[in-house]
Amino acid sequence: MPYVAAVVDLAEGPRMMTQVVECEEGALAIGMELRVAFRREEGCEAVAVFRP
């Protein structure tokens, strides 16, 4: 399935390579505000993803 990969600047300072979910790729914009969400994946407790 296609997904949107992104580099997100966290408020705490570091940058994080992640995935943006619940957002059409055409609606993405540099500098838009995102919130963290956690998704369970097989073999992992939780994976951080971001959504508007």
PDB file of N, CA and C in Angstrom:
ATOM      1  N   MET A   1       0.846  -1.166   0.000  1.00  0.00           N
ATOM      2  CA  MET A   1       0.000   0.000   0.000  1.00  0.00           C
ATOM      3  C   MET A   1       0.895   1.233   0.000  1.00  0.00           C
ATOM      4  N   PRO A   2       0.590   2.241  -0.780  1.00  0.00           N
ATOM      5  CA  PRO A   2       1.391   3.472  -0.758  1.00  0.00           C
ATOM      6  C   PRO A   2       1.254   4.175   0.589  1.00  0.00           C
ATOM      7  N   TYR A   3       2.308   4.864   0.967  1.00  0.00           N
ATOM      8  CA  TYR A   3       2.253   5.635   2.195  1.00  0.00           C
ATOM      9  C   TYR A   3       3.097   6.887   2.027  1.00  0.00           C
ATOM     10  N   VAL A   4       2.894   7.848   2.922  1.00  0.00           N
ATOM     11  CA  VAL A   4       3.610   9.120   2.853  1.00  0.00           C
ATOM     12  C   VAL A   4       4.725   9.109   3.887  1.00  0.00           C
ATOM     13  N   ALA A   5       5.969   9.087   3.410  1.00  0.00           N
ATOM     14  CA  ALA A   5       7.128   9.175   4.292  1.00  0.00           C
ATOM     15  C   ALA A   5       7.460  10.650   4.485  1.00  0.00           C
ATOM     16  N   ALA A   6       7.927  10.993   5.682  1.00  0.00           N
ATOM     17  CA  ALA A   6       8.228  12.393   5.971  1.00  0.00           C
ATOM     18  C   ALA A   6       9.339  12.497   7.001  1.00  0.00           C
ATOM     19  N   VAL A   7       9.997  13.636   7.012  1.00  0.00           N
ATOM     20  CA  VAL A   7      10.931  13.993   8.069  1.00  0.00           C
ATOM     21  C   VAL A   7      10.224  15.076   8.874  1.00  0.00           C
ATOM     22  N   VAL A   8      10.003  14.794  10.167  1.00  0.00           N
ATOM     23  CA  VAL A   8       9.251  15.699  11.039  1.00  0.00           C
ATOM     24  C   VAL A   8      10.208  16.328  12.045  1.00  0.00           C
ATOM     25  N   ASP A   9      10.146  17.656  12.167  1.00  0.00           N
ATOM     26  CA  ASP A   9      10.906  18.367  13.194  1.00  0.00           C
ATOM     27  C   ASP A   9      10.085  18.353  14.480  1.00  0.00           C
ATOM     28  N   LEU A  10      10.579  17.692  15.499  1.00  0.00           N
ATOM     29  CA  LEU A  10       9.864  17.626  16.772  1.00  0.00           C
ATOM     30  C   LEU A  10      10.036  18.920  17.553  1.00  0.00           C
ATOM     31  N   ALA A  11       9.071  19.270  18.378  1.00  0.00           N
ATOM     32  CA  ALA A  11       9.129  20.495  19.191  1.00  0.00           C
ATOM     33  C   ALA A  11      10.334  20.476  20.117  1.00  0.00           C
ATOM     34  N   GLU A  12      10.774  19.279  20.517  1.00  0.00           N
ATOM     35  CA  GLU A  12      11.908  19.136  21.431  1.00  0.00           C
ATOM     36  C   GLU A  12      13.249  19.364  20.733  1.00  0.00           C
ATOM     37  N   GLY A  13      13.246  19.455  19.397  1.00  0.00           N
ATOM     38  CA  GLY A  13      14.473  19.745  18.673  1.00  0.00           C
ATOM     39  C   GLY A  13      14.902  18.727  17.631  1.00  0.00           C
ATOM     40  N   PRO A  14      14.885  17.428  17.929  1.00  0.00           N
ATOM     41  CA  PRO A  14      15.380  16.480  16.927  1.00  0.00           C
ATOM     42  C   PRO A  14      14.422  16.308  15.754  1.00  0.00           C
ATOM     43  N   ARG A  15      14.943  15.713  14.688  1.00  0.00           N
ATOM     44  CA  ARG A  15      14.148  15.362  13.517  1.00  0.00           C
ATOM     45  C   ARG A  15      13.922  13.867  13.518  1.00  0.00           C
ATOM     46  N   MET A  16      12.798  13.445  12.930  1.00  0.00           N
ATOM     47  CA  MET A  16      12.432  12.040  12.944  1.00  0.00           C
ATOM     48  C   MET A  16      11.893  11.627  11.585  1.00  0.00           C
ATOM     49  N   MET A  17      12.431  10.538  11.033  1.00  0.00           N
ATOM     50  CA  MET A  17      11.880   9.953   9.815  1.00  0.00           C
ATOM     51  C   MET A  17      10.666   9.142  10.232  1.00  0.00           C
ATOM     52  N   THR A  18       9.518   9.378   9.593  1.00  0.00           N
ATOM     53  CA  THR A  18       8.275   8.766  10.032  1.00  0.00           C
ATOM     54  C   THR A  18       7.302   8.643   8.876  1.00  0.00           C
ATOM     55  N   GLN A  19       6.085   8.336   9.190  1.00  0.00           N
ATOM     56  CA  GLN A  19       5.002   8.223   8.217  1.00  0.00           C
ATOM     57  C   GLN A  19       3.874   9.152   8.627  1.00  0.00           C
ATOM     58  N   VAL A  20       3.262   9.823   7.646  1.00  0.00           N
ATOM     59  CA  VAL A  20       2.085  10.659   7.894  1.00  0.00           C
ATOM     60  C   VAL A  20       0.857   9.847   7.504  1.00  0.00           C
ATOM     61  N   VAL A  21      -0.118   9.773   8.413  1.00  0.00           N
ATOM     62  CA  VAL A  21      -1.325   8.992   8.178  1.00  0.00           C
ATOM     63  C   VAL A  21      -2.556   9.895   8.233  1.00  0.00           C
ATOM     64  N   GLU A  22      -3.667   9.390   7.726  1.00  0.00           N
ATOM     65  CA  GLU A  22      -4.947  10.111   7.756  1.00  0.00           C
ATOM     66  C   GLU A  22      -4.866  11.474   7.085  1.00  0.00           C
ATOM     67  N   CYS A  23      -4.109  11.543   5.985  1.00  0.00           N
ATOM     68  CA  CYS A  23      -3.944  12.811   5.260  1.00  0.00           C
ATOM     69  C   CYS A  23      -3.630  12.492   3.805  1.00  0.00           C
ATOM     70  N   GLU A  24      -4.390  13.061   2.890  1.00  0.00           N
ATOM     71  CA  GLU A  24      -4.098  12.898   1.465  1.00  0.00           C
ATOM     72  C   GLU A  24      -2.766  13.559   1.155  1.00  0.00           C
ATOM     73  N   GLU A  25      -1.969  12.928   0.299  1.00  0.00           N
ATOM     74  CA  GLU A  25      -0.646  13.497   0.025  1.00  0.00           C
ATOM     75  C   GLU A  25      -0.722  14.897  -0.566  1.00  0.00           C
ATOM     76  N   GLY A  26      -1.764  15.215  -1.307  1.00  0.00           N
ATOM     77  CA  GLY A  26      -1.926  16.560  -1.869  1.00  0.00           C
ATOM     78  C   GLY A  26      -2.221  17.620  -0.824  1.00  0.00           C
ATOM     79  N   ALA A  27      -2.655  17.195   0.365  1.00  0.00           N
ATOM     80  CA  ALA A  27      -2.979  18.132   1.438  1.00  0.00           C
ATOM     81  C   ALA A  27      -1.775  18.447   2.316  1.00  0.00           C
ATOM     82  N   LEU A  28      -0.671  17.736   2.126  1.00  0.00           N
ATOM     83  CA  LEU A  28       0.526  17.969   2.944  1.00  0.00           C
ATOM     84  C   LEU A  28       1.208  19.270   2.554  1.00  0.00           C
ATOM     85  N   ALA A  29       1.781  19.928   3.534  1.00  0.00           N
ATOM     86  CA  ALA A  29       2.514  21.169   3.287  1.00  0.00           C
ATOM     87  C   ALA A  29       3.674  21.261   4.264  1.00  0.00           C
ATOM     88  N   ILE A  30       4.778  21.811   3.794  1.00  0.00           N
ATOM     89  CA  ILE A  30       5.920  22.039   4.678  1.00  0.00           C
ATOM     90  C   ILE A  30       5.490  22.993   5.781  1.00  0.00           C
ATOM     91  N   GLY A  31       5.824  22.636   7.010  1.00  0.00           N
ATOM     92  CA  GLY A  31       5.505  23.479   8.147  1.00  0.00           C
ATOM     93  C   GLY A  31       4.147  23.215   8.772  1.00  0.00           C
ATOM     94  N   MET A  32       3.364  22.292   8.198  1.00  0.00           N
ATOM     95  CA  MET A  32       2.042  22.041   8.784  1.00  0.00           C
ATOM     96  C   MET A  32       2.179  21.370  10.142  1.00  0.00           C
ATOM     97  N   GLU A  33       1.235  21.637  11.016  1.00  0.00           N
ATOM     98  CA  GLU A  33       1.262  21.084  12.360  1.00  0.00           C
ATOM     99  C   GLU A  33       0.776  19.638  12.329  1.00  0.00           C
ATOM    100  N   LEU A  34       1.510  18.763  12.993  1.00  0.00           N
ATOM    101  CA  LEU A  34       1.167  17.346  13.073  1.00  0.00           C
ATOM    102  C   LEU A  34       1.130  16.907  14.520  1.00  0.00           C
ATOM    103  N   ARG A  35       0.391  15.847  14.786  1.00  0.00           N
ATOM    104  CA  ARG A  35       0.321  15.259  16.128  1.00  0.00           C
ATOM    105  C   ARG A  35       0.749  13.807  16.037  1.00  0.00           C
ATOM    106  N   VAL A  36       1.410  13.347  17.074  1.00  0.00           N
ATOM    107  CA  VAL A  36       1.870  11.964  17.098  1.00  0.00           C
ATOM    108  C   VAL A  36       0.700  11.029  17.392  1.00  0.00           C
ATOM    109  N   ALA A  37       0.743   9.860  16.783  1.00  0.00           N
ATOM    110  CA  ALA A  37      -0.193   8.769  17.052  1.00  0.00           C
ATOM    111  C   ALA A  37       0.649   7.499  17.100  1.00  0.00           C
ATOM    112  N   PHE A  38       0.164   6.482  17.743  1.00  0.00           N
ATOM    113  CA  PHE A  38       0.928   5.235  17.838  1.00  0.00           C
ATOM    114  C   PHE A  38       0.137   4.103  17.214  1.00  0.00           C
ATOM    115  N   ARG A  39       0.826   3.317  16.397  1.00  0.00           N
ATOM    116  CA  ARG A  39       0.220   2.198  15.698  1.00  0.00           C
ATOM    117  C   ARG A  39       0.938   0.924  16.104  1.00  0.00           C
ATOM    118  N   ARG A  40       0.191  -0.109  16.384  1.00  0.00           N
ATOM    119  CA  ARG A  40       0.794  -1.409  16.715  1.00  0.00           C
ATOM    120  C   ARG A  40       1.157  -2.135  15.431  1.00  0.00           C
ATOM    121  N   GLU A  41       2.343  -2.739  15.414  1.00  0.00           N
ATOM    122  CA  GLU A  41       2.781  -3.548  14.284  1.00  0.00           C
ATOM    123  C   GLU A  41       3.320  -4.862  14.805  1.00  0.00           C
ATOM    124  N   GLU A  42       3.220  -5.872  13.992  1.00  0.00           N
ATOM    125  CA  GLU A  42       3.694  -7.193  14.379  1.00  0.00           C
ATOM    126  C   GLU A  42       5.173  -7.139  14.734  1.00  0.00           C
ATOM    127  N   GLY A  43       5.509  -7.679  15.886  1.00  0.00           N
ATOM    128  CA  GLY A  43       6.907  -7.709  16.330  1.00  0.00           C
ATOM    129  C   GLY A  43       7.347  -6.452  17.077  1.00  0.00           C
ATOM    130  N   CYS A  44       6.482  -5.450  17.172  1.00  0.00           N
ATOM    131  CA  CYS A  44       6.804  -4.192  17.866  1.00  0.00           C
ATOM    132  C   CYS A  44       5.677  -3.855  18.833  1.00  0.00           C
ATOM    133  N   GLU A  45       6.012  -3.169  19.897  1.00  0.00           N
ATOM    134  CA  GLU A  45       4.955  -2.718  20.815  1.00  0.00           C
ATOM    135  C   GLU A  45       4.139  -1.601  20.175  1.00  0.00           C
ATOM    136  N   ALA A  46       4.801  -0.575  19.654  1.00  0.00           N
ATOM    137  CA  ALA A  46       4.108   0.539  19.014  1.00  0.00           C
ATOM    138  C   ALA A  46       5.093   1.293  18.127  1.00  0.00           C
ATOM    139  N   VAL A  47       4.559   1.863  17.049  1.00  0.00           N
ATOM    140  CA  VAL A  47       5.359   2.659  16.125  1.00  0.00           C
ATOM    141  C   VAL A  47       4.742   4.055  16.078  1.00  0.00           C
ATOM    142  N   ALA A  48       5.585   5.078  16.194  1.00  0.00           N
ATOM    143  CA  ALA A  48       5.093   6.457  16.149  1.00  0.00           C
ATOM    144  C   ALA A  48       4.851   6.855  14.695  1.00  0.00           C
ATOM    145  N   VAL A  49       3.663   7.375  14.420  1.00  0.00           N
ATOM    146  CA  VAL A  49       3.308   7.968  13.126  1.00  0.00           C
ATOM    147  C   VAL A  49       2.705   9.330  13.437  1.00  0.00           C
ATOM    148  N   PHE A  50       2.499  10.136  12.424  1.00  0.00           N
ATOM    149  CA  PHE A  50       1.973  11.478  12.652  1.00  0.00           C
ATOM    150  C   PHE A  50       0.763  11.722  11.769  1.00  0.00           C
ATOM    151  N   ARG A  51      -0.169  12.535  12.278  1.00  0.00           N
ATOM    152  CA  ARG A  51      -1.353  12.922  11.505  1.00  0.00           C
ATOM    153  C   ARG A  51      -1.634  14.403  11.761  1.00  0.00           C
ATOM    154  N   PRO A  52      -2.343  15.039  10.813  1.00  0.00           N
ATOM    155  CA  PRO A  52      -2.650  16.462  11.017  1.00  0.00           C
ATOM    156  C   PRO A  52      -3.512  16.687  12.245  1.00  0.00           C
TER     157      PRO A  52
END
